[in-house]
Amino acid sequence: MLAATVAFSIDAMLQVPREIAASLSQGSPNQVQLGIATFVVGMGCGTLFAGPLSDTFGRHKIAIGSSVLFILGALLSARAPRLETILVARTLQGVGAAGPRVVALAITRDLFSGR
């Protein structure tokens, strides 16, 4: 689960841009693609903080806290009444996805060394 959140989040969004555009963005359907971009921006920003926070507070706490943030972003996206809400929720989801991804790599490096 830790390593798959990023791939799942992007792949799930790639399947439904027409449906989202039809219901939330009739005037400019191409803006739905911003949902993927905002997720990636959120993940990039979250990566900057997840590593140092996991070193300071522990891997488990950051993995759980970020997963909760990821789930909150997903729920907010699912209930979004407007495209702008989806964009904010996807950014939040990206920040939440960064934590488990960084923690999974850090745990692997903690347990193993060398090539």
PDB file of N, CA and C in Angstrom:
ATOM      1  N   MET A   1       0.820  -1.186   0.000  1.00  0.00           N
ATOM      2  CA  MET A   1       0.000   0.000   0.000  1.00  0.00           C
ATOM      3  C   MET A   1       0.868   1.256   0.000  1.00  0.00           C
ATOM      4  N   LEU A   2       1.965   1.205   0.749  1.00  0.00           N
ATOM      5  CA  LEU A   2       2.808   2.394   0.841  1.00  0.00           C
ATOM      6  C   LEU A   2       3.356   2.819  -0.512  1.00  0.00           C
ATOM      7  N   ALA A   3       3.777   1.860  -1.305  1.00  0.00           N
ATOM      8  CA  ALA A   3       4.402   2.188  -2.582  1.00  0.00           C
ATOM      9  C   ALA A   3       3.390   2.388  -3.702  1.00  0.00           C
ATOM     10  N   ALA A   4       2.175   1.904  -3.550  1.00  0.00           N
ATOM     11  CA  ALA A   4       1.205   1.931  -4.644  1.00  0.00           C
ATOM     12  C   ALA A   4       0.286   3.143  -4.655  1.00  0.00           C
ATOM     13  N   THR A   5       0.313   3.983  -3.641  1.00  0.00           N
ATOM     14  CA  THR A   5      -0.636   5.095  -3.579  1.00  0.00           C
ATOM     15  C   THR A   5      -0.466   6.078  -4.729  1.00  0.00           C
ATOM     16  N   VAL A   6       0.766   6.339  -5.118  1.00  0.00           N
ATOM     17  CA  VAL A   6       1.011   7.301  -6.194  1.00  0.00           C
ATOM     18  C   VAL A   6       0.486   6.764  -7.520  1.00  0.00           C
ATOM     19  N   ALA A   7       0.850   5.534  -7.848  1.00  0.00           N
ATOM     20  CA  ALA A   7       0.399   4.949  -9.114  1.00  0.00           C
ATOM     21  C   ALA A   7      -1.121   4.834  -9.151  1.00  0.00           C
ATOM     22  N   PHE A   8      -1.718   4.415  -8.050  1.00  0.00           N
ATOM     23  CA  PHE A   8      -3.168   4.285  -8.005  1.00  0.00           C
ATOM     24  C   PHE A   8      -3.860   5.631  -8.209  1.00  0.00           C
ATOM     25  N   SER A   9      -3.341   6.665  -7.589  1.00  0.00           N
ATOM     26  CA  SER A   9      -3.961   7.986  -7.672  1.00  0.00           C
ATOM     27  C   SER A   9      -3.917   8.559  -9.083  1.00  0.00           C
ATOM     28  N   ILE A  10      -2.820   8.389  -9.745  1.00  0.00           N
ATOM     29  CA  ILE A  10      -2.706   8.908 -11.108  1.00  0.00           C
ATOM     30  C   ILE A  10      -3.514   8.060 -12.073  1.00  0.00           C
ATOM     31  N   ASP A  11      -3.414   6.738 -11.966  1.00  0.00           N
ATOM     32  CA  ASP A  11      -4.140   5.854 -12.883  1.00  0.00           C
ATOM     33  C   ASP A  11      -5.652   5.983 -12.729  1.00  0.00           C
ATOM     34  N   ALA A  12      -6.122   6.183 -11.515  1.00  0.00           N
ATOM     35  CA  ALA A  12      -7.563   6.337 -11.303  1.00  0.00           C
ATOM     36  C   ALA A  12      -8.075   7.612 -11.949  1.00  0.00           C
ATOM     37  N   MET A  13      -7.295   8.667 -11.908  1.00  0.00           N
ATOM     38  CA  MET A  13      -7.715   9.943 -12.496  1.00  0.00           C
ATOM     39  C   MET A  13      -7.668   9.905 -14.023  1.00  0.00           C
ATOM     40  N   LEU A  14      -6.794   9.105 -14.588  1.00  0.00           N
ATOM     41  CA  LEU A  14      -6.683   9.026 -16.044  1.00  0.00           C
ATOM     42  C   LEU A  14      -7.910   8.385 -16.690  1.00  0.00           C
ATOM     43  N   GLN A  15      -8.678   7.658 -15.927  1.00  0.00           N
ATOM     44  CA  GLN A  15      -9.820   6.926 -16.466  1.00  0.00           C
ATOM     45  C   GLN A  15     -11.077   7.773 -16.641  1.00  0.00           C
ATOM     46  N   VAL A  16     -11.199   8.897 -15.951  1.00  0.00           N
ATOM     47  CA  VAL A  16     -12.479   9.597 -15.895  1.00  0.00           C
ATOM     48  C   VAL A  16     -12.474  11.079 -16.255  1.00  0.00           C
ATOM     49  N   PRO A  17     -11.567  11.577 -17.069  1.00  0.00           N
ATOM     50  CA  PRO A  17     -11.596  13.025 -17.316  1.00  0.00           C
ATOM     51  C   PRO A  17     -12.846  13.489 -18.059  1.00  0.00           C
ATOM     52  N   ARG A  18     -13.368  12.689 -18.967  1.00  0.00           N
ATOM     53  CA  ARG A  18     -14.584  13.092 -19.702  1.00  0.00           C
ATOM     54  C   ARG A  18     -15.783  13.207 -18.775  1.00  0.00           C
ATOM     55  N   GLU A  19     -15.920  12.258 -17.866  1.00  0.00           N
ATOM     56  CA  GLU A  19     -17.046  12.283 -16.942  1.00  0.00           C
ATOM     57  C   GLU A  19     -16.965  13.479 -15.997  1.00  0.00           C
ATOM     58  N   ILE A  20     -15.767  13.772 -15.518  1.00  0.00           N
ATOM     59  CA  ILE A  20     -15.599  14.923 -14.635  1.00  0.00           C
ATOM     60  C   ILE A  20     -15.868  16.211 -15.396  1.00  0.00           C
ATOM     61  N   ALA A  21     -15.359  16.299 -16.613  1.00  0.00           N
ATOM     62  CA  ALA A  21     -15.582  17.501 -17.427  1.00  0.00           C
ATOM     63  C   ALA A  21     -17.059  17.692 -17.727  1.00  0.00           C
ATOM     64  N   ALA A  22     -17.774  16.600 -18.001  1.00  0.00           N
ATOM     65  CA  ALA A  22     -19.200  16.700 -18.316  1.00  0.00           C
ATOM     66  C   ALA A  22     -20.012  17.197 -17.125  1.00  0.00           C
ATOM     67  N   SER A  23     -19.596  16.817 -15.917  1.00  0.00           N
ATOM     68  CA  SER A  23     -20.407  17.200 -14.764  1.00  0.00           C
ATOM     69  C   SER A  23     -19.917  18.478 -14.065  1.00  0.00           C
ATOM     70  N   LEU A  24     -18.640  18.803 -14.166  1.00  0.00           N
ATOM     71  CA  LEU A  24     -18.132  19.931 -13.394  1.00  0.00           C
ATOM     72  C   LEU A  24     -17.495  21.044 -14.219  1.00  0.00           C
ATOM     73  N   SER A  25     -17.161  20.793 -15.462  1.00  0.00           N
ATOM     74  CA  SER A  25     -16.412  21.795 -16.223  1.00  0.00           C
ATOM     75  C   SER A  25     -16.852  21.794 -17.683  1.00  0.00           C
ATOM     76  N   GLN A  26     -18.124  22.070 -17.937  1.00  0.00           N
ATOM     77  CA  GLN A  26     -18.628  22.025 -19.306  1.00  0.00           C
ATOM     78  C   GLN A  26     -17.955  23.068 -20.201  1.00  0.00           C
ATOM     79  N   GLY A  27     -17.680  24.243 -19.685  1.00  0.00           N
ATOM     80  CA  GLY A  27     -17.121  25.326 -20.477  1.00  0.00           C
ATOM     81  C   GLY A  27     -15.678  25.105 -20.891  1.00  0.00           C
ATOM     82  N   SER A  28     -14.910  24.423 -20.072  1.00  0.00           N
ATOM     83  CA  SER A  28     -13.495  24.198 -20.381  1.00  0.00           C
ATOM     84  C   SER A  28     -13.086  22.794 -19.926  1.00  0.00           C
ATOM     85  N   PRO A  29     -13.364  21.794 -20.752  1.00  0.00           N
ATOM     86  CA  PRO A  29     -13.098  20.410 -20.353  1.00  0.00           C
ATOM     87  C   PRO A  29     -11.617  20.088 -20.166  1.00  0.00           C
ATOM     88  N   ASN A  30     -10.727  20.853 -20.784  1.00  0.00           N
ATOM     89  CA  ASN A  30      -9.301  20.568 -20.645  1.00  0.00           C
ATOM     90  C   ASN A  30      -8.761  20.905 -19.259  1.00  0.00           C
ATOM     91  N   GLN A  31      -9.491  21.695 -18.487  1.00  0.00           N
ATOM     92  CA  GLN A  31      -9.038  22.041 -17.144  1.00  0.00           C
ATOM     93  C   GLN A  31      -9.057  20.845 -16.202  1.00  0.00           C
ATOM     94  N   VAL A  32      -9.767  19.794 -16.567  1.00  0.00           N
ATOM     95  CA  VAL A  32      -9.808  18.598 -15.726  1.00  0.00           C
ATOM     96  C   VAL A  32      -8.413  17.981 -15.616  1.00  0.00           C
ATOM     97  N   GLN A  33      -7.594  18.179 -16.639  1.00  0.00           N
ATOM     98  CA  GLN A  33      -6.232  17.650 -16.608  1.00  0.00           C
ATOM     99  C   GLN A  33      -5.397  18.277 -15.495  1.00  0.00           C
ATOM    100  N   LEU A  34      -5.822  19.419 -15.010  1.00  0.00           N
ATOM    101  CA  LEU A  34      -5.126  20.047 -13.890  1.00  0.00           C
ATOM    102  C   LEU A  34      -5.194  19.195 -12.626  1.00  0.00           C
ATOM    103  N   GLY A  35      -6.171  18.296 -12.555  1.00  0.00           N
ATOM    104  CA  GLY A  35      -6.278  17.394 -11.406  1.00  0.00           C
ATOM    105  C   GLY A  35      -5.055  16.509 -11.266  1.00  0.00           C
ATOM    106  N   ILE A  36      -4.504  16.083 -12.381  1.00  0.00           N
ATOM    107  CA  ILE A  36      -3.283  15.272 -12.354  1.00  0.00           C
ATOM    108  C   ILE A  36      -2.088  16.155 -12.005  1.00  0.00           C
ATOM    109  N   ALA A  37      -2.032  17.338 -12.606  1.00  0.00           N
ATOM    110  CA  ALA A  37      -0.908  18.245 -12.352  1.00  0.00           C
ATOM    111  C   ALA A  37      -0.861  18.684 -10.891  1.00  0.00           C
ATOM    112  N   THR A  38      -2.014  19.003 -10.315  1.00  0.00           N
ATOM    113  CA  THR A  38      -2.014  19.445  -8.919  1.00  0.00           C
ATOM    114  C   THR A  38      -1.618  18.310  -7.981  1.00  0.00           C
ATOM    115  N   PHE A  39      -1.991  17.079  -8.335  1.00  0.00           N
ATOM    116  CA  PHE A  39      -1.572  15.931  -7.534  1.00  0.00           C
ATOM    117  C   PHE A  39      -0.047  15.810  -7.534  1.00  0.00           C
ATOM    118  N   VAL A  40       0.551  15.941  -8.716  1.00  0.00           N
ATOM    119  CA  VAL A  40       2.008  15.820  -8.831  1.00  0.00           C
ATOM    120  C   VAL A  40       2.711  16.959  -8.087  1.00  0.00           C
ATOM    121  N   VAL A  41       2.165  18.175  -8.175  1.00  0.00           N
ATOM    122  CA  VAL A  41       2.745  19.303  -7.436  1.00  0.00           C
ATOM    123  C   VAL A  41       2.651  19.054  -5.924  1.00  0.00           C
ATOM    124  N   GLY A  42       1.502  18.594  -5.466  1.00  0.00           N
ATOM    125  CA  GLY A  42       1.342  18.280  -4.041  1.00  0.00           C
ATOM    126  C   GLY A  42       2.296  17.195  -3.591  1.00  0.00           C
ATOM    127  N   MET A  43       2.482  16.185  -4.435  1.00  0.00           N
ATOM    128  CA  MET A  43       3.395  15.105  -4.087  1.00  0.00           C
ATOM    129  C   MET A  43       4.836  15.618  -4.029  1.00  0.00           C
ATOM    130  N   GLY A  44       5.195  16.481  -4.970  1.00  0.00           N
ATOM    131  CA  GLY A  44       6.542  17.044  -4.957  1.00  0.00           C
ATOM    132  C   GLY A  44       6.803  17.870  -3.711  1.00  0.00           C
ATOM    133  N   CYS A  45       5.841  18.689  -3.335  1.00  0.00           N
ATOM    134  CA  CYS A  45       5.995  19.499  -2.118  1.00  0.00           C
ATOM    135  C   CYS A  45       6.000  18.625  -0.865  1.00  0.00           C
ATOM    136  N   GLY A  46       5.150  17.623  -0.844  1.00  0.00           N
ATOM    137  CA  GLY A  46       5.090  16.730   0.307  1.00  0.00           C
ATOM    138  C   GLY A  46       6.358  15.923   0.498  1.00  0.00           C
ATOM    139  N   THR A  47       7.027  15.596  -0.597  1.00  0.00           N
ATOM    140  CA  THR A  47       8.267  14.839  -0.524  1.00  0.00           C
ATOM    141  C   THR A  47       9.353  15.618   0.210  1.00  0.00           C
ATOM    142  N   LEU A  48       9.338  16.933   0.053  1.00  0.00           N
ATOM    143  CA  LEU A  48      10.333  17.758   0.729  1.00  0.00           C
ATOM    144  C   LEU A  48      10.230  17.672   2.251  1.00  0.00           C
ATOM    145  N   PHE A  49       9.021  17.449   2.749  1.00  0.00           N
ATOM    146  CA  PHE A  49       8.801  17.445   4.191  1.00  0.00           C
ATOM    147  C   PHE A  49       8.696  16.045   4.794  1.00  0.00           C
ATOM    148  N   ALA A  50       8.276  15.064   4.003  1.00  0.00           N
ATOM    149  CA  ALA A  50       8.023  13.728   4.550  1.00  0.00           C
ATOM    150  C   ALA A  50       9.289  13.061   5.067  1.00  0.00           C
ATOM    151  N   GLY A  51      10.395  13.205   4.355  1.00  0.00           N
ATOM    152  CA  GLY A  51      11.641  12.566   4.788  1.00  0.00           C
ATOM    153  C   GLY A  51      12.139  13.092   6.128  1.00  0.00           C
ATOM    154  N   PRO A  52      12.342  14.414   6.240  1.00  0.00           N
ATOM    155  CA  PRO A  52      12.798  14.939   7.533  1.00  0.00           C
ATOM    156  C   PRO A  52      11.807  14.677   8.676  1.00  0.00           C
ATOM    157  N   LEU A  53      10.512  14.741   8.383  1.00  0.00           N
ATOM    158  CA  LEU A  53       9.523  14.462   9.430  1.00  0.00           C
ATOM    159  C   LEU A  53       9.577  13.006   9.872  1.00  0.00           C
ATOM    160  N   SER A  54       9.789  12.080   8.924  1.00  0.00           N
ATOM    161  CA  SER A  54       9.867  10.667   9.308  1.00  0.00           C
ATOM    162  C   SER A  54      11.138  10.378  10.097  1.00  0.00           C
ATOM    163  N   ASP A  55      12.210  11.126   9.840  1.00  0.00           N
ATOM    164  CA  ASP A  55      13.425  10.976  10.644  1.00  0.00           C
ATOM    165  C   ASP A  55      13.215  11.512  12.057  1.00  0.00           C
ATOM    166  N   THR A  56      12.447  12.585  12.179  1.00  0.00           N
ATOM    167  CA  THR A  56      12.231  13.225  13.476  1.00  0.00           C
ATOM    168  C   THR A  56      11.186  12.501  14.314  1.00  0.00           C
ATOM    169  N   PHE A  57      10.035  12.197  13.719  1.00  0.00           N
ATOM    170  CA  PHE A  57       8.917  11.647  14.486  1.00  0.00           C
ATOM    171  C   PHE A  57       8.725  10.144  14.339  1.00  0.00           C
ATOM    172  N   GLY A  58       9.438   9.527  13.445  1.00  0.00           N
ATOM    173  CA  GLY A  58       9.319   8.083  13.251  1.00  0.00           C
ATOM    174  C   GLY A  58       8.560   7.743  11.982  1.00  0.00           C
ATOM    175  N   ARG A  59       8.936   6.654  11.390  1.00  0.00           N
ATOM    176  CA  ARG A  59       8.367   6.230  10.110  1.00  0.00           C
ATOM    177  C   ARG A  59       6.874   5.898  10.231  1.00  0.00           C
ATOM    178  N   HIS A  60       6.519   5.206  11.295  1.00  0.00           N
ATOM    179  CA  HIS A  60       5.138   4.747  11.455  1.00  0.00           C
ATOM    180  C   HIS A  60       4.159   5.918  11.561  1.00  0.00           C
ATOM    181  N   LYS A  61       4.490   6.905  12.366  1.00  0.00           N
ATOM    182  CA  LYS A  61       3.587   8.047  12.551  1.00  0.00           C
ATOM    183  C   LYS A  61       3.389   8.821  11.257  1.00  0.00           C
ATOM    184  N   ILE A  62       4.454   9.010  10.503  1.00  0.00           N
ATOM    185  CA  ILE A  62       4.342   9.745   9.242  1.00  0.00           C
ATOM    186  C   ILE A  62       3.588   8.924   8.212  1.00  0.00           C
ATOM    187  N   ALA A  63       3.816   7.624   8.168  1.00  0.00           N
ATOM    188  CA  ALA A  63       3.085   6.770   7.218  1.00  0.00           C
ATOM    189  C   ALA A  63       1.586   6.789   7.500  1.00  0.00           C
ATOM    190  N   ILE A  64       1.216   6.691   8.753  1.00  0.00           N
ATOM    191  CA  ILE A  64      -0.209   6.696   9.128  1.00  0.00           C
ATOM    192  C   ILE A  64      -0.817   8.079   8.896  1.00  0.00           C
ATOM    193  N   GLY A  65      -0.141   9.120   9.364  1.00  0.00           N
ATOM    194  CA  GLY A  65      -0.663  10.478   9.195  1.00  0.00           C
ATOM    195  C   GLY A  65      -0.820  10.873   7.733  1.00  0.00           C
ATOM    196  N   SER A  66       0.159  10.530   6.914  1.00  0.00           N
ATOM    197  CA  SER A  66       0.062  10.856   5.491  1.00  0.00           C
ATOM    198  C   SER A  66      -1.027  10.035   4.811  1.00  0.00           C
ATOM    199  N   SER A  67      -1.178   8.794   5.222  1.00  0.00           N
ATOM    200  CA  SER A  67      -2.241   7.969   4.638  1.00  0.00           C
ATOM    201  C   SER A  67      -3.611   8.540   4.964  1.00  0.00           C
ATOM    202  N   VAL A  68      -3.771   9.040   6.174  1.00  0.00           N
ATOM    203  CA  VAL A  68      -5.034   9.680   6.551  1.00  0.00           C
ATOM    204  C   VAL A  68      -5.261  10.929   5.700  1.00  0.00           C
ATOM    205  N   LEU A  69      -4.218  11.711   5.489  1.00  0.00           N
ATOM    206  CA  LEU A  69      -4.308  12.900   4.639  1.00  0.00           C
ATOM    207  C   LEU A  69      -4.669  12.517   3.204  1.00  0.00           C
ATOM    208  N   PHE A  70      -4.085  11.445   2.716  1.00  0.00           N
ATOM    209  CA  PHE A  70      -4.389  10.925   1.386  1.00  0.00           C
ATOM    210  C   PHE A  70      -5.863  10.532   1.275  1.00  0.00           C
ATOM    211  N   ILE A  71      -6.355   9.831   2.264  1.00  0.00           N
ATOM    212  CA  ILE A  71      -7.757   9.387   2.263  1.00  0.00           C
ATOM    213  C   ILE A  71      -8.698  10.591   2.352  1.00  0.00           C
ATOM    214  N   LEU A  72      -8.364  11.574   3.176  1.00  0.00           N
ATOM    215  CA  LEU A  72      -9.192  12.787   3.259  1.00  0.00           C
ATOM    216  C   LEU A  72      -9.248  13.509   1.913  1.00  0.00           C
ATOM    217  N   GLY A  73      -8.119  13.593   1.234  1.00  0.00           N
ATOM    218  CA  GLY A  73      -8.098  14.200  -0.093  1.00  0.00           C
ATOM    219  C   GLY A  73      -8.952  13.432  -1.087  1.00  0.00           C
ATOM    220  N   ALA A  74      -8.915  12.104  -0.995  1.00  0.00           N
ATOM    221  CA  ALA A  74      -9.723  11.278  -1.894  1.00  0.00           C
ATOM    222  C   ALA A  74     -11.213  11.463  -1.622  1.00  0.00           C
ATOM    223  N   LEU A  75     -11.589  11.491  -0.353  1.00  0.00           N
ATOM    224  CA  LEU A  75     -13.002  11.684  -0.007  1.00  0.00           C
ATOM    225  C   LEU A  75     -13.492  13.066  -0.428  1.00  0.00           C
ATOM    226  N   LEU A  76     -12.661  14.066  -0.226  1.00  0.00           N
ATOM    227  CA  LEU A  76     -13.026  15.413  -0.636  1.00  0.00           C
ATOM    228  C   LEU A  76     -13.160  15.504  -2.159  1.00  0.00           C
ATOM    229  N   SER A  77     -12.289  14.825  -2.872  1.00  0.00           N
ATOM    230  CA  SER A  77     -12.382  14.793  -4.342  1.00  0.00           C
ATOM    231  C   SER A  77     -13.672  14.124  -4.799  1.00  0.00           C
ATOM    232  N   ALA A  78     -14.020  13.049  -4.137  1.00  0.00           N
ATOM    233  CA  ALA A  78     -15.224  12.313  -4.530  1.00  0.00           C
ATOM    234  C   ALA A  78     -16.497  13.119  -4.294  1.00  0.00           C
ATOM    235  N   ARG A  79     -16.490  13.987  -3.287  1.00  0.00           N
ATOM    236  CA  ARG A  79     -17.668  14.783  -2.943  1.00  0.00           C
ATOM    237  C   ARG A  79     -17.625  16.207  -3.471  1.00  0.00           C
ATOM    238  N   ALA A  80     -16.648  16.517  -4.310  1.00  0.00           N
ATOM    239  CA  ALA A  80     -16.437  17.898  -4.755  1.00  0.00           C
ATOM    240  C   ALA A  80     -17.583  18.399  -5.626  1.00  0.00           C
ATOM    241  N   PRO A  81     -18.137  19.551  -5.285  1.00  0.00           N
ATOM    242  CA  PRO A  81     -19.210  20.120  -6.096  1.00  0.00           C
ATOM    243  C   PRO A  81     -18.694  20.938  -7.279  1.00  0.00           C
ATOM    244  N   ARG A  82     -17.406  21.332  -7.232  1.00  0.00           N
ATOM    245  CA  ARG A  82     -16.827  22.154  -8.297  1.00  0.00           C
ATOM    246  C   ARG A  82     -15.431  21.656  -8.637  1.00  0.00           C
ATOM    247  N   LEU A  83     -14.973  22.009  -9.810  1.00  0.00           N
ATOM    248  CA  LEU A  83     -13.649  21.598 -10.259  1.00  0.00           C
ATOM    249  C   LEU A  83     -12.552  22.176  -9.365  1.00  0.00           C
ATOM    250  N   GLU A  84     -12.722  23.390  -8.890  1.00  0.00           N
ATOM    251  CA  GLU A  84     -11.721  24.003  -8.026  1.00  0.00           C
ATOM    252  C   GLU A  84     -11.529  23.205  -6.736  1.00  0.00           C
ATOM    253  N   THR A  85     -12.618  22.656  -6.226  1.00  0.00           N
ATOM    254  CA  THR A  85     -12.538  21.826  -5.028  1.00  0.00           C
ATOM    255  C   THR A  85     -11.750  20.562  -5.311  1.00  0.00           C
ATOM    256  N   ILE A  86     -11.947  19.995  -6.483  1.00  0.00           N
ATOM    257  CA  ILE A  86     -11.175  18.807  -6.866  1.00  0.00           C
ATOM    258  C   ILE A  86      -9.692  19.139  -6.925  1.00  0.00           C
ATOM    259  N   LEU A  87      -9.347  20.286  -7.461  1.00  0.00           N
ATOM    260  CA  LEU A  87      -7.945  20.661  -7.574  1.00  0.00           C
ATOM    261  C   LEU A  87      -7.293  20.817  -6.194  1.00  0.00           C
ATOM    262  N   VAL A  88      -7.997  21.432  -5.269  1.00  0.00           N
ATOM    263  CA  VAL A  88      -7.472  21.572  -3.900  1.00  0.00           C
ATOM    264  C   VAL A  88      -7.357  20.192  -3.248  1.00  0.00           C
ATOM    265  N   ALA A  89      -8.383  19.370  -3.429  1.00  0.00           N
ATOM    266  CA  ALA A  89      -8.376  18.034  -2.832  1.00  0.00           C
ATOM    267  C   ALA A  89      -7.280  17.165  -3.419  1.00  0.00           C
ATOM    268  N   ARG A  90      -7.037  17.292  -4.719  1.00  0.00           N
ATOM    269  CA  ARG A  90      -5.970  16.509  -5.353  1.00  0.00           C
ATOM    270  C   ARG A  90      -4.597  16.966  -4.875  1.00  0.00           C
ATOM    271  N   THR A  91      -4.434  18.249  -4.603  1.00  0.00           N
ATOM    272  CA  THR A  91      -3.171  18.726  -4.039  1.00  0.00           C
ATOM    273  C   THR A  91      -2.966  18.125  -2.651  1.00  0.00           C
ATOM    274  N   LEU A  92      -4.009  18.144  -1.841  1.00  0.00           N
ATOM    275  CA  LEU A  92      -3.963  17.536  -0.514  1.00  0.00           C
ATOM    276  C   LEU A  92      -3.659  16.045  -0.615  1.00  0.00           C
ATOM    277  N   GLN A  93      -4.275  15.396  -1.570  1.00  0.00           N
ATOM    278  CA  GLN A  93      -4.045  13.968  -1.776  1.00  0.00           C
ATOM    279  C   GLN A  93      -2.592  13.717  -2.200  1.00  0.00           C
ATOM    280  N   GLY A  94      -2.035  14.591  -3.013  1.00  0.00           N
ATOM    281  CA  GLY A  94      -0.639  14.453  -3.419  1.00  0.00           C
ATOM    282  C   GLY A  94       0.312  14.592  -2.248  1.00  0.00           C
ATOM    283  N   VAL A  95       0.037  15.559  -1.382  1.00  0.00           N
ATOM    284  CA  VAL A  95       0.860  15.719  -0.173  1.00  0.00           C
ATOM    285  C   VAL A  95       0.761  14.452   0.680  1.00  0.00           C
ATOM    286  N   GLY A  96      -0.436  13.912   0.794  1.00  0.00           N
ATOM    287  CA  GLY A  96      -0.618  12.683   1.567  1.00  0.00           C
ATOM    288  C   GLY A  96       0.042  11.477   0.931  1.00  0.00           C
ATOM    289  N   ALA A  97       0.091  11.409  -0.384  1.00  0.00           N
ATOM    290  CA  ALA A  97       0.718  10.277  -1.069  1.00  0.00           C
ATOM    291  C   ALA A  97       2.232  10.307  -0.961  1.00  0.00           C
ATOM    292  N   ALA A  98       2.797  11.489  -0.756  1.00  0.00           N
ATOM    293  CA  ALA A  98       4.251  11.602  -0.664  1.00  0.00           C
ATOM    294  C   ALA A  98       4.799  10.893   0.571  1.00  0.00           C
ATOM    295  N   GLY A  99       4.086  10.982   1.680  1.00  0.00           N
ATOM    296  CA  GLY A  99       4.557  10.378   2.924  1.00  0.00           C
ATOM    297  C   GLY A  99       4.776   8.881   2.833  1.00  0.00           C
ATOM    298  N   PRO A 100       3.765   8.099   2.446  1.00  0.00           N
ATOM    299  CA  PRO A 100       3.983   6.658   2.342  1.00  0.00           C
ATOM    300  C   PRO A 100       5.064   6.276   1.332  1.00  0.00           C
ATOM    301  N   ARG A 101       5.162   7.041   0.268  1.00  0.00           N
ATOM    302  CA  ARG A 101       6.178   6.744  -0.744  1.00  0.00           C
ATOM    303  C   ARG A 101       7.580   6.940  -0.172  1.00  0.00           C
ATOM    304  N   VAL A 102       7.799   8.053   0.492  1.00  0.00           N
ATOM    305  CA  VAL A 102       9.112   8.340   1.085  1.00  0.00           C
ATOM    306  C   VAL A 102       9.415   7.364   2.217  1.00  0.00           C
ATOM    307  N   VAL A 103       8.422   7.064   3.033  1.00  0.00           N
ATOM    308  CA  VAL A 103       8.621   6.159   4.159  1.00  0.00           C
ATOM    309  C   VAL A 103       8.950   4.748   3.664  1.00  0.00           C
ATOM    310  N   ALA A 104       8.293   4.293   2.600  1.00  0.00           N
ATOM    311  CA  ALA A 104       8.588   2.960   2.057  1.00  0.00           C
ATOM    312  C   ALA A 104      10.037   2.873   1.589  1.00  0.00           C
ATOM    313  N   LEU A 105      10.518   3.906   0.931  1.00  0.00           N
ATOM    314  CA  LEU A 105      11.921   3.917   0.502  1.00  0.00           C
ATOM    315  C   LEU A 105      12.866   3.987   1.695  1.00  0.00           C
ATOM    316  N   ALA A 106      12.518   4.777   2.697  1.00  0.00           N
ATOM    317  CA  ALA A 106      13.371   4.910   3.876  1.00  0.00           C
ATOM    318  C   ALA A 106      13.441   3.597   4.652  1.00  0.00           C
ATOM    319  N   ILE A 107      12.328   2.905   4.775  1.00  0.00           N
ATOM    320  CA  ILE A 107      12.312   1.611   5.474  1.00  0.00           C
ATOM    321  C   ILE A 107      13.182   0.612   4.734  1.00  0.00           C
ATOM    322  N   THR A 108      13.091   0.606   3.412  1.00  0.00           N
ATOM    323  CA  THR A 108      13.924  -0.301   2.620  1.00  0.00           C
ATOM    324  C   THR A 108      15.402  -0.004   2.831  1.00  0.00           C
ATOM    325  N   ARG A 109      15.753   1.277   2.844  1.00  0.00           N
ATOM    326  CA  ARG A 109      17.151   1.651   3.075  1.00  0.00           C
ATOM    327  C   ARG A 109      17.599   1.362   4.506  1.00  0.00           C
ATOM    328  N   ASP A 110      16.670   1.428   5.453  1.00  0.00           N
ATOM    329  CA  ASP A 110      17.016   1.101   6.841  1.00  0.00           C
ATOM    330  C   ASP A 110      17.332  -0.394   7.011  1.00  0.00           C
ATOM    331  N   LEU A 111      16.609  -1.219   6.262  1.00  0.00           N
ATOM    332  CA  LEU A 111      16.738  -2.665   6.439  1.00  0.00           C
ATOM    333  C   LEU A 111      17.837  -3.296   5.596  1.00  0.00           C
ATOM    334  N   PHE A 112      18.162  -2.703   4.450  1.00  0.00           N
ATOM    335  CA  PHE A 112      19.103  -3.323   3.531  1.00  0.00           C
ATOM    336  C   PHE A 112      20.180  -2.322   3.138  1.00  0.00           C
ATOM    337  N   SER A 113      21.334  -2.865   2.737  1.00  0.00           N
ATOM    338  CA  SER A 113      22.418  -1.999   2.278  1.00  0.00           C
ATOM    339  C   SER A 113      23.040  -2.604   1.019  1.00  0.00           C
ATOM    340  N   GLY A 114      23.792  -1.788   0.318  1.00  0.00           N
ATOM    341  CA  GLY A 114      24.441  -2.254  -0.901  1.00  0.00           C
ATOM    342  C   GLY A 114      23.502  -2.288  -2.085  1.00  0.00           C
ATOM    343  N   ARG A 115      23.946  -2.908  -3.132  1.00  0.00           N
ATOM    344  CA  ARG A 115      23.128  -2.979  -4.344  1.00  0.00           C
ATOM    345  C   ARG A 115      22.049  -3.983  -4.155  1.00  0.00           C
TER     346      ARG A 115
END
